[in-house]
């Protein structure tokens, strides 16, 4: 924090650890999809015959403590769109 550079990350754990913002795939949802895909393969489906999967659920986490520490303020409308706000 000595240089007060904001960090924006892909995974929510970074925002929980002090990063300014994270926006990326909801990992629990992605792992659930991977599990279904793997189950289909274990049941005998050929991987080449299965459709390509893409994560459809994304989440944004804002760390207001970090924002305050670097002197940054998010607009209220932006904060309202976040899935989680750390205060």
Protein backbone atom coordinates (compact mmCIF):
# COMPACT_ATOMS: atom_id res chain seq x y z
CA UNK A 1 0.00 0.00 0.00
CA UNK A 2 3.01 2.30 0.09
CA UNK A 3 2.49 3.37 -3.53
CA UNK A 4 -1.31 3.44 -3.36
CA UNK A 5 -1.80 1.75 -6.71
CA UNK A 6 -5.24 0.21 -7.16
CA UNK A 7 -5.34 -3.47 -8.00
CA UNK A 8 -8.12 -4.97 -10.08
CA UNK A 9 -8.22 -8.74 -10.18
CA UNK A 10 -10.00 -11.67 -11.77
CA UNK A 11 -10.78 -13.62 -8.59
CA UNK A 12 -12.84 -12.48 -5.59
CA UNK A 13 -10.23 -13.75 -3.12
CA UNK A 14 -7.90 -10.92 -4.14
CA UNK A 15 -10.50 -8.29 -3.30
CA UNK A 16 -11.13 -10.04 0.01
CA UNK A 17 -7.38 -9.89 0.69
CA UNK A 18 -7.19 -6.12 0.07
CA UNK A 19 -7.40 -5.59 -3.69
CA UNK A 20 -9.56 -2.70 -4.85
CA UNK A 21 -11.89 -4.61 -7.16
CA UNK A 22 -12.43 -8.04 -8.65
CA UNK A 23 -14.52 -9.02 -11.62
CA UNK A 24 -14.52 -12.49 -13.02
CA UNK A 25 -16.18 -15.84 -13.28
CA UNK A 26 -18.07 -17.14 -10.25
CA UNK A 27 -15.76 -20.05 -9.49
CA UNK A 28 -18.27 -22.21 -7.61
CA UNK A 29 -20.59 -22.05 -10.60
CA UNK A 30 -17.72 -22.81 -13.00
CA UNK A 31 -16.60 -25.82 -10.94
CA UNK A 32 -20.16 -27.11 -10.89
CA UNK A 33 -20.25 -26.93 -14.70
CA UNK A 34 -16.88 -28.71 -14.89
CA UNK A 35 -18.23 -31.46 -12.67
CA UNK A 36 -21.25 -32.03 -14.91
CA UNK A 37 -18.97 -32.10 -17.95
CA UNK A 38 -16.63 -34.61 -16.30
CA UNK A 39 -19.60 -36.77 -15.24
CA UNK A 40 -20.80 -36.92 -18.84
CA UNK A 41 -17.35 -38.11 -19.94
CA UNK A 42 -17.22 -40.71 -17.17
CA UNK A 43 -20.63 -41.97 -18.28
CA UNK A 44 -19.18 -42.70 -21.71
CA UNK A 45 -19.74 -39.54 -23.76
CA UNK A 46 -16.96 -38.68 -26.15
CA UNK A 47 -15.38 -35.33 -25.24
CA UNK A 48 -15.38 -34.32 -28.92
CA UNK A 49 -19.15 -34.76 -29.06
CA UNK A 50 -19.88 -32.53 -26.05
CA UNK A 51 -20.65 -28.85 -26.58
CA UNK A 52 -18.08 -26.26 -25.59
CA UNK A 53 -18.96 -24.85 -22.17
CA UNK A 54 -18.49 -21.26 -21.11
CA UNK A 55 -19.01 -19.71 -17.71
CA UNK A 56 -22.16 -17.60 -17.70
CA UNK A 57 -22.16 -16.21 -14.16
CA UNK A 58 -19.75 -13.41 -13.31
CA UNK A 59 -19.37 -11.48 -10.07
CA UNK A 60 -17.96 -8.12 -9.02
CA UNK A 61 -16.55 -7.48 -5.55
CA UNK A 62 -15.60 -3.96 -4.42
CA UNK A 63 -13.36 -3.33 -1.42
CA UNK A 64 -14.36 0.07 -0.01
CA UNK A 65 -11.72 -0.15 2.75
CA UNK A 66 -8.99 -0.23 0.12
CA UNK A 67 -10.68 2.54 -1.87
CA UNK A 68 -10.76 4.74 1.24
CA UNK A 69 -7.10 3.97 2.00
CA UNK A 70 -5.99 5.24 -1.44
CA UNK A 71 -8.43 8.16 -1.50
CA UNK A 72 -10.71 6.77 -4.19
CA UNK A 73 -14.49 6.88 -4.17
CA UNK A 74 -16.73 4.70 -6.33
CA UNK A 75 -19.90 6.28 -7.73
CA UNK A 76 -22.99 5.06 -5.85
CA UNK A 77 -24.48 3.58 -9.03
CA UNK A 78 -21.32 1.52 -9.61
CA UNK A 79 -21.29 0.22 -6.04
CA UNK A 80 -24.96 -0.70 -6.32
CA UNK A 81 -24.18 -3.03 -9.23
CA UNK A 82 -21.58 -5.00 -7.26
CA UNK A 83 -22.39 -8.51 -6.09
CA UNK A 84 -20.50 -7.87 -2.86
CA UNK A 85 -19.17 -4.71 -1.20
CA UNK A 86 -16.55 -4.97 1.53
CA UNK A 87 -16.85 -2.08 3.96
